[in-house]
Amino acid sequence: MSPAEKRAVEFLIELLREYSPFGQEGPASDLILGEMAELGIRAKRDEVGNVIGEVGSGAHPALLLCGHMDTVPGFIPVRMEGGALYGRGAVDAKSSLASMILSAGALAEEGIDGRIIVACVVDEEGEGRGIKNLMKGRLDVDYAIFGEPSGVSNVTIGYKGSMRIILRVGTEPGHSSAPWLFENAIERAFELWGAFKDFHLPGEDLGSKFYSITSCLMKIRGGSDSTSVPSECDLTIDLRFPPQISIEAIFSKAEELVDKFEGEHPRVSVDLEFGDITKPFEADRRSPLVRALSWAIRTTLGKQPTLLRKTGTADLNVLAEILRIPMVAYGPGDSRLDHTPHERIDIREYLDSIKVYKAAIRRLFELHHAESGEGVP
């Protein structure tokens, strides 16, 4: 292992030791600010706690590298075992964040013909305060890569959208000693959930997990300890939808299901509410950004890249609503380990991702200059 690789591993270990569940990112941000200063990255902390670093010069091309410092709660002792580094955030997503910081630092030292902004945001696992504050600024960038685990030889080009649906089912209250006289709100709510569980629309590909709609019952609240038939029950549903399905079509279908249910159960009322909505995203696989990362994976690792479309959402979805630029997600790690007590990163994969980032950024800037008529790569 070279001195640079040893330092890269040491930095990731230090970052993992700074336990930083959302809302407690301060010590991790202090560490990152110090590391950026050593690497020659111009850095500052904004009003919500994001750390923003910048290298290079000029207006264009400009690349945003965005990762998050926070993790879900649940401390995992940091340890090295069998070539893997264990710790909360090892996969989601401190190894990606460290890779972006170190690759930007290396390119700053070597010199680049463009500008890189490294945004280390807070609260990605919470309410997204970090990315929302970043969006308030005037981000004049041409491309964006989000540091999320794709696996070192894969690039994530798609994320599904998400929508919270709240159903409030109401019935007339009555005594539980005569349940046959009254409608039970909990029982009727479960019947209504059955209709929403099979929520589908024209245009879906039911054979694809990405291009189809899925629904998950997240929360149930209803009933009491008194001797009465439950007269209220609230359901919260997490619905995930692909890019080809419009939000308006989902609204219309949900209202149709509720109207049909109330027509079949005249003694039951249903209030329908739509909560947080995140739009889906799918990148153009022919964009310079996808081509640059694919080229870097082939030339650096000798592997054929796989373009992934994921069923979750990320900060990328949020920024994509504001900036109409090429975006993807890339980073080391197996996303199946996200949020689990077994979270770990293969050290070789982490080190390889730094090489891929460096090669991809150089290639991206070359392609940008070539396709804008400024030169041929």
Protein backbone atom coordinates (compact mmCIF):
# COMPACT_ATOMS: atom_id res chain seq x y z
CA MET A 1 0.00 0.00 0.00
CA SER A 2 1.44 3.37 -1.01
CA PRO A 3 1.79 6.29 1.46
CA ALA A 4 -1.16 8.03 -0.25
CA GLU A 5 -3.32 4.92 0.12
CA LYS A 6 -2.34 4.54 3.78
CA ARG A 7 -3.34 8.14 4.41
CA ALA A 8 -6.64 7.57 2.57
CA VAL A 9 -7.44 4.63 4.87
CA GLU A 10 -6.44 6.62 7.95
CA PHE A 11 -8.74 9.47 6.94
CA LEU A 12 -11.69 7.14 6.45
CA ILE A 13 -11.04 5.50 9.85
CA GLU A 14 -10.97 8.96 11.48
CA LEU A 15 -14.19 9.90 9.72
CA LEU A 16 -15.95 6.72 10.84
CA ARG A 17 -14.83 7.26 14.44
CA GLU A 18 -16.65 10.59 14.42
CA TYR A 19 -20.11 9.16 15.08
CA SER A 20 -22.45 11.55 13.26
CA PRO A 21 -26.13 10.60 13.21
CA PHE A 22 -28.21 13.34 11.59
CA GLY A 23 -28.27 16.41 13.80
CA GLN A 24 -24.85 15.60 15.31
CA GLU A 25 -22.48 16.25 12.40
CA GLY A 26 -20.33 18.93 14.09
CA PRO A 27 -17.22 16.86 14.97
CA ALA A 28 -17.22 15.18 11.54
CA SER A 29 -17.40 18.58 9.84
CA ASP A 30 -14.45 19.82 11.94
CA LEU A 31 -12.42 16.82 10.77
CA ILE A 32 -13.35 17.41 7.13
CA LEU A 33 -12.47 21.11 7.31
CA GLY A 34 -9.04 20.20 8.68
CA GLU A 35 -8.46 17.56 6.00
CA MET A 36 -9.51 19.93 3.22
CA ALA A 37 -7.09 22.57 4.49
CA GLU A 38 -4.24 20.05 4.39
CA LEU A 39 -5.19 19.03 0.85
CA GLY A 40 -5.26 22.60 -0.43
CA ILE A 41 -9.05 22.70 -0.84
CA ARG A 42 -10.60 26.11 -0.17
CA ALA A 43 -13.35 25.33 2.35
CA LYS A 44 -16.00 26.91 4.56
CA ARG A 45 -18.96 25.88 6.68
CA ASP A 46 -22.39 27.33 5.88
CA GLU A 47 -25.17 28.35 8.26
CA VAL A 48 -26.73 24.86 8.53
CA GLY A 49 -23.41 23.03 8.96
CA ASN A 50 -22.60 21.95 5.39
CA VAL A 51 -18.90 21.99 4.53
CA ILE A 52 -18.30 23.41 1.05
CA GLY A 53 -14.87 23.01 -0.57
CA GLU A 54 -13.62 24.23 -3.93
CA VAL A 55 -10.62 23.54 -6.14
CA GLY A 56 -9.60 24.75 -9.57
CA SER A 57 -10.65 27.97 -11.26
CA GLY A 58 -12.74 29.38 -14.07
CA ALA A 59 -16.47 29.37 -14.59
CA HIS A 60 -16.75 26.24 -16.73
CA PRO A 61 -16.64 23.33 -16.68
CA ALA A 62 -17.81 23.10 -13.09
CA LEU A 63 -18.54 19.82 -11.31
CA LEU A 64 -20.42 19.38 -8.05
CA LEU A 65 -19.36 16.42 -5.89
CA CYS A 66 -22.03 16.04 -3.21
CA GLY A 67 -21.94 13.63 -0.28
CA HIS A 68 -23.41 13.54 3.20
CA MET A 69 -21.66 13.54 6.57
CA ASP A 70 -24.57 12.21 8.60
CA THR A 71 -25.64 8.62 9.17
CA VAL A 72 -28.63 6.85 10.63
CA PRO A 73 -28.43 6.32 14.40
CA GLY A 74 -26.82 3.15 15.71
CA PHE A 75 -23.13 3.12 16.61
CA ILE A 76 -20.94 0.35 15.17
CA PRO A 77 -17.45 -0.04 16.68
CA VAL A 78 -14.82 0.86 14.08
CA ARG A 79 -12.57 -2.09 13.31
CA MET A 80 -10.59 -3.63 10.47
CA GLU A 81 -11.28 -7.28 9.70
CA GLY A 82 -10.35 -9.38 6.68
CA GLY A 83 -9.64 -6.43 4.41
CA ALA A 84 -12.90 -4.69 5.34
CA LEU A 85 -13.46 -1.65 7.51
CA TYR A 86 -16.51 -1.77 9.78
CA GLY A 87 -18.32 1.27 11.17
CA ARG A 88 -21.54 3.26 10.93
CA GLY A 89 -21.41 5.13 7.64
CA ALA A 90 -18.79 2.86 6.07
CA VAL A 91 -21.16 2.30 3.16
CA ASP A 92 -23.80 5.01 3.60
CA ALA A 93 -21.94 7.08 2.78
CA LYS A 94 -18.65 8.17 4.36
CA SER A 95 -16.45 6.08 2.09
CA SER A 96 -17.98 7.86 -0.93
CA LEU A 97 -17.54 11.22 0.79
CA ALA A 98 -13.89 10.49 1.64
CA SER A 99 -13.25 9.35 -1.96
CA MET A 100 -14.61 12.61 -3.34
CA ILE A 101 -12.62 14.77 -0.92
CA LEU A 102 -9.34 12.92 -1.55
CA SER A 103 -9.74 12.82 -5.34
CA ALA A 104 -10.49 16.56 -5.39
CA GLY A 105 -7.45 17.20 -3.23
CA ALA A 106 -5.21 15.15 -5.51
CA LEU A 107 -6.50 16.97 -8.60
CA ALA A 108 -5.96 20.32 -6.88
CA GLU A 109 -2.31 19.41 -6.36
CA GLU A 110 -1.86 18.11 -9.92
CA GLY A 111 -3.83 20.94 -11.54
CA ILE A 112 -7.09 20.77 -13.49
CA ASP A 113 -8.66 22.74 -16.29
CA GLY A 114 -11.96 23.41 -14.55
CA ARG A 115 -13.60 23.79 -11.17
CA ILE A 116 -14.74 21.23 -8.56
CA ILE A 117 -17.13 22.03 -5.70
CA VAL A 118 -17.18 19.42 -2.93
CA ALA A 119 -20.36 19.70 -0.84
CA CYS A 120 -20.40 17.68 2.39
CA VAL A 121 -24.00 18.07 3.52
CA VAL A 122 -25.84 17.46 6.77
CA ASP A 123 -29.17 15.81 7.53
CA GLU A 124 -29.50 13.62 4.42
CA GLU A 125 -30.92 10.85 6.60
CA GLY A 126 -33.30 13.29 8.30
CA GLU A 127 -35.26 16.12 6.70
CA GLY A 128 -32.66 17.08 4.09
CA ARG A 129 -31.74 20.49 5.58
CA GLY A 130 -28.28 20.29 4.03
CA ILE A 131 -29.27 19.78 0.39
CA LYS A 132 -32.18 22.24 0.75
CA ASN A 133 -29.82 24.94 1.97
CA LEU A 134 -27.37 24.14 -0.81
CA MET A 135 -30.19 24.63 -3.31
CA LYS A 136 -30.83 28.15 -1.99
CA GLY A 137 -27.45 29.27 -3.29
CA ARG A 138 -26.76 29.93 -6.92
CA LEU A 139 -25.07 26.70 -7.93
CA ASP A 140 -23.51 27.46 -11.28
CA VAL A 141 -22.35 23.95 -12.17
CA ASP A 142 -22.46 21.88 -15.35
CA TYR A 143 -22.46 18.38 -13.82
CA ALA A 144 -23.08 16.69 -10.46
CA ILE A 145 -22.01 13.39 -8.91
CA PHE A 146 -23.61 12.27 -5.66
CA GLY A 147 -21.58 10.05 -3.37
CA GLU A 148 -23.80 7.04 -2.73
CA PRO A 149 -22.90 3.35 -2.77
CA SER A 150 -23.23 1.98 -6.28
CA GLY A 151 -20.34 -0.47 -6.14
CA VAL A 152 -17.01 0.59 -7.57
CA SER A 153 -17.71 -0.73 -11.07
CA ASN A 154 -21.31 0.56 -11.29
CA VAL A 155 -22.91 3.95 -11.91
CA THR A 156 -26.39 4.80 -10.63
CA ILE A 157 -28.35 6.67 -13.30
CA GLY A 158 -31.89 6.41 -11.92
CA TYR A 159 -33.87 6.76 -8.69
CA LYS A 160 -37.59 6.27 -8.24
CA GLY A 161 -39.83 9.00 -6.90
CA SER A 162 -41.60 8.76 -3.55
CA MET A 163 -44.89 9.98 -2.17
CA ARG A 164 -46.49 9.70 1.26
CA ILE A 165 -50.21 8.98 1.22
CA ILE A 166 -52.17 9.42 4.46
CA LEU A 167 -55.61 7.84 4.75
CA ARG A 168 -57.84 8.81 7.70
CA VAL A 169 -60.70 6.37 8.07
CA GLY A 170 -63.65 7.37 10.25
CA THR A 171 -66.77 5.53 11.47
CA GLU A 172 -69.51 6.07 14.05
CA PRO A 173 -68.36 5.02 17.57
CA GLY A 174 -70.16 2.25 19.43
CA HIS A 175 -69.78 -0.26 22.27
CA SER A 176 -67.42 -3.18 21.67
CA SER A 177 -69.93 -5.58 23.23
CA ALA A 178 -72.04 -5.24 20.06
CA PRO A 179 -69.50 -5.02 17.24
CA TRP A 180 -72.03 -6.24 14.65
CA LEU A 181 -73.89 -2.95 14.95
CA PHE A 182 -71.00 -0.71 13.98
CA GLU A 183 -68.32 -0.33 11.35
CA ASN A 184 -64.83 -0.96 12.75
CA ALA A 185 -62.49 1.77 11.45
CA ILE A 186 -59.38 -0.41 11.80
CA GLU A 187 -60.92 -3.28 9.87
CA ARG A 188 -62.16 -0.97 7.14
CA ALA A 189 -58.76 0.74 6.97
CA PHE A 190 -57.14 -2.62 6.28
CA GLU A 191 -59.61 -3.25 3.48
CA LEU A 192 -58.70 0.13 2.00
CA TRP A 193 -55.01 -0.70 2.32
CA GLY A 194 -55.68 -3.81 0.24
CA ALA A 195 -56.80 -1.57 -2.63
CA PHE A 196 -53.76 0.69 -2.31
CA LYS A 197 -51.40 -2.27 -2.03
CA ASP A 198 -52.36 -3.18 -5.59
CA PHE A 199 -51.98 0.42 -6.80
CA HIS A 200 -50.99 0.37 -10.50
CA LEU A 201 -51.34 2.62 -13.53
CA PRO A 202 -51.09 2.28 -17.31
CA GLY A 203 -47.54 2.72 -18.54
CA GLU A 204 -45.89 0.65 -15.82
CA ASP A 205 -43.62 -2.29 -16.53
CA LEU A 206 -44.78 -4.76 -13.90
CA GLY A 207 -41.80 -6.98 -14.66
CA SER A 208 -39.39 -4.27 -13.55
CA LYS A 209 -38.78 -3.18 -9.96
CA PHE A 210 -37.69 0.25 -11.23
CA TYR A 211 -40.33 0.97 -13.87
CA SER A 212 -43.29 -0.12 -11.70
CA ILE A 213 -45.15 1.33 -8.71
CA THR A 214 -44.70 -0.20 -5.26
CA SER A 215 -46.53 0.59 -2.03
CA CYS A 216 -45.48 -0.04 1.57
CA LEU A 217 -47.68 0.37 4.63
CA MET A 218 -45.49 2.44 6.97
CA LYS A 219 -47.66 3.24 9.97
CA ILE A 220 -51.06 2.46 11.52
CA ARG A 221 -52.68 4.46 14.28
CA GLY A 222 -56.14 3.72 15.64
CA GLY A 223 -58.23 2.30 18.44
CA SER A 224 -58.00 2.72 22.22
CA ASP A 225 -58.11 0.74 25.46
CA SER A 226 -61.74 1.67 26.10
CA THR A 227 -64.58 -0.73 25.42
CA SER A 228 -65.59 0.86 22.15
CA VAL A 229 -65.50 -0.12 18.52
CA PRO A 230 -62.61 1.81 16.91
CA SER A 231 -63.99 4.86 15.12
CA GLU A 232 -60.71 6.26 13.77
CA CYS A 233 -57.74 4.74 12.01
CA ASP A 234 -54.92 6.49 10.16
CA LEU A 235 -52.72 4.76 7.59
CA THR A 236 -49.45 6.12 6.20
CA ILE A 237 -48.34 4.62 2.88
CA ASP A 238 -44.98 5.07 1.16
CA LEU A 239 -45.57 4.86 -2.59
CA ARG A 240 -42.61 4.65 -4.98
CA PHE A 241 -43.07 5.48 -8.65
CA PRO A 242 -40.94 5.50 -11.83
CA PRO A 243 -40.14 8.41 -14.18
CA GLN A 244 -42.81 7.55 -16.77
CA ILE A 245 -45.66 7.92 -14.23
CA SER A 246 -46.93 11.44 -13.55
CA ILE A 247 -47.76 12.74 -10.09
CA GLU A 248 -51.13 13.92 -11.41
CA ALA A 249 -51.99 10.36 -12.51
CA ILE A 250 -51.22 9.11 -9.00
CA PHE A 251 -53.41 11.81 -7.44
CA SER A 252 -56.29 10.89 -9.74
CA LYS A 253 -55.98 7.15 -9.10
CA ALA A 254 -55.81 7.59 -5.31
CA GLU A 255 -58.92 9.78 -5.33
CA GLU A 256 -60.69 7.23 -7.52
CA LEU A 257 -59.87 4.41 -5.06
CA VAL A 258 -61.15 6.43 -2.11
CA ASP A 259 -64.37 7.43 -3.91
CA LYS A 260 -65.02 3.80 -4.86
CA PHE A 261 -64.39 2.61 -1.29
CA GLU A 262 -66.72 5.20 0.21
CA GLY A 263 -69.38 4.26 -2.33
CA GLU A 264 -69.14 0.62 -1.23
CA HIS A 265 -69.12 1.56 2.50
CA PRO A 266 -71.62 4.41 3.01
CA ARG A 267 -71.08 4.44 6.80
CA VAL A 268 -67.34 4.99 6.42
CA SER A 269 -65.62 8.30 5.66
CA VAL A 270 -62.10 8.62 4.30
CA ASP A 271 -59.90 11.72 4.27
CA LEU A 272 -57.09 11.52 1.73
CA GLU A 273 -53.91 13.53 2.21
CA PHE A 274 -50.68 13.63 0.20
CA GLY A 275 -47.50 14.20 2.21
CA ASP A 276 -43.88 14.61 1.11
CA ILE A 277 -43.33 14.11 -2.62
CA THR A 278 -39.98 13.50 -4.30
CA LYS A 279 -39.89 13.34 -8.08
CA PRO A 280 -38.15 10.42 -9.85
CA PHE A 281 -34.94 10.86 -11.83
CA GLU A 282 -33.27 9.06 -14.71
CA ALA A 283 -30.08 10.27 -16.37
CA ASP A 284 -29.31 10.24 -20.08
CA ARG A 285 -26.87 7.36 -20.47
CA ARG A 286 -25.28 9.20 -23.42
CA SER A 287 -24.34 12.28 -21.37
CA PRO A 288 -20.65 13.25 -21.03
CA LEU A 289 -20.87 12.46 -17.31
CA VAL A 290 -22.05 8.87 -17.78
CA ARG A 291 -19.54 8.35 -20.58
CA ALA A 292 -16.66 9.74 -18.47
CA LEU A 293 -17.41 7.53 -15.48
CA SER A 294 -17.90 4.47 -17.68
CA TRP A 295 -14.58 5.17 -19.42
CA ALA A 296 -12.81 5.59 -16.06
CA ILE A 297 -14.15 2.28 -14.74
CA ARG A 298 -13.05 0.43 -17.89
CA THR A 299 -9.58 1.95 -18.06
CA THR A 300 -8.84 2.06 -14.31
CA LEU A 301 -10.37 -1.22 -13.17
CA GLY A 302 -10.49 -3.18 -16.43
CA LYS A 303 -14.19 -3.88 -15.86
CA GLN A 304 -17.30 -3.26 -17.91
CA PRO A 305 -19.46 -0.75 -15.99
CA THR A 306 -23.07 -1.50 -15.12
CA LEU A 307 -25.63 1.32 -15.16
CA LEU A 308 -28.00 0.95 -12.20
CA ARG A 309 -31.52 2.19 -11.59
CA LYS A 310 -32.43 2.10 -7.90
CA THR A 311 -35.82 1.85 -6.22
CA GLY A 312 -34.91 4.32 -3.46
CA THR A 313 -34.46 8.09 -3.52
CA ALA A 314 -31.47 10.32 -2.75
CA ASP A 315 -30.46 13.97 -2.47
CA LEU A 316 -29.91 13.74 -6.22
CA ASN A 317 -33.69 13.64 -6.78
CA VAL A 318 -34.09 16.90 -4.88
CA LEU A 319 -31.35 18.80 -6.72
CA ALA A 320 -32.51 17.45 -10.09
CA GLU A 321 -35.78 19.37 -9.65
CA ILE A 322 -33.79 22.62 -9.61
CA LEU A 323 -30.79 22.00 -11.87
CA ARG A 324 -31.38 20.49 -15.30
CA ILE A 325 -27.84 19.20 -15.72
CA PRO A 326 -26.30 15.71 -16.11
CA MET A 327 -26.26 13.96 -12.71
CA VAL A 328 -25.41 10.48 -11.47
CA ALA A 329 -24.54 8.74 -8.20
CA TYR A 330 -21.29 6.87 -7.71
CA GLY A 331 -19.39 5.42 -4.80
CA PRO A 332 -17.91 2.27 -3.30
CA GLY A 333 -19.85 -0.21 -1.21
CA ASP A 334 -22.78 -2.61 -1.23
CA SER A 335 -26.00 -0.67 -0.64
CA ARG A 336 -27.62 -3.78 0.83
CA LEU A 337 -25.53 -3.05 3.95
CA ASP A 338 -27.05 0.44 4.34
CA HIS A 339 -28.51 1.04 7.82
CA THR A 340 -27.64 -2.50 8.98
CA PRO A 341 -25.49 -3.51 11.98
CA HIS A 342 -23.08 -5.18 9.52
CA GLU A 343 -22.09 -2.02 7.64
CA ARG A 344 -18.59 -2.36 6.19
CA ILE A 345 -16.50 -1.30 3.21
CA ASP A 346 -13.90 -3.32 1.34
CA ILE A 347 -10.68 -1.29 1.60
CA ARG A 348 -9.53 -2.18 -1.91
CA GLU A 349 -12.84 -1.04 -3.35
CA TYR A 350 -12.62 2.24 -1.45
CA LEU A 351 -9.11 2.92 -2.76
CA ASP A 352 -10.14 1.98 -6.29
CA SER A 353 -13.03 4.44 -6.14
CA ILE A 354 -10.59 7.32 -5.55
CA LYS A 355 -8.74 6.34 -8.73
CA VAL A 356 -12.00 6.15 -10.66
CA TYR A 357 -13.12 9.57 -9.42
CA LYS A 358 -9.83 11.17 -10.46
CA ALA A 359 -9.82 9.55 -13.92
CA ALA A 360 -13.51 10.31 -14.49
CA ILE A 361 -13.20 13.97 -13.57
CA ARG A 362 -10.23 14.48 -15.87
CA ARG A 363 -12.05 12.69 -18.70
CA LEU A 364 -15.24 14.69 -18.07
CA PHE A 365 -13.41 17.99 -18.32
CA GLU A 366 -11.68 16.83 -21.50
CA LEU A 367 -15.02 15.84 -23.05
CA HIS A 368 -16.57 19.13 -22.00
CA HIS A 369 -13.82 21.18 -23.64
CA ALA A 370 -13.93 19.02 -26.77
CA GLU A 371 -17.70 19.13 -27.19
CA SER A 372 -17.79 22.87 -26.57
CA GLY A 373 -15.22 23.36 -29.33
CA GLU A 374 -12.35 24.24 -27.01
CA GLY A 375 -10.13 21.30 -27.89
CA VAL A 376 -9.96 17.59 -28.60
CA PRO A 377 -9.29 15.09 -25.78
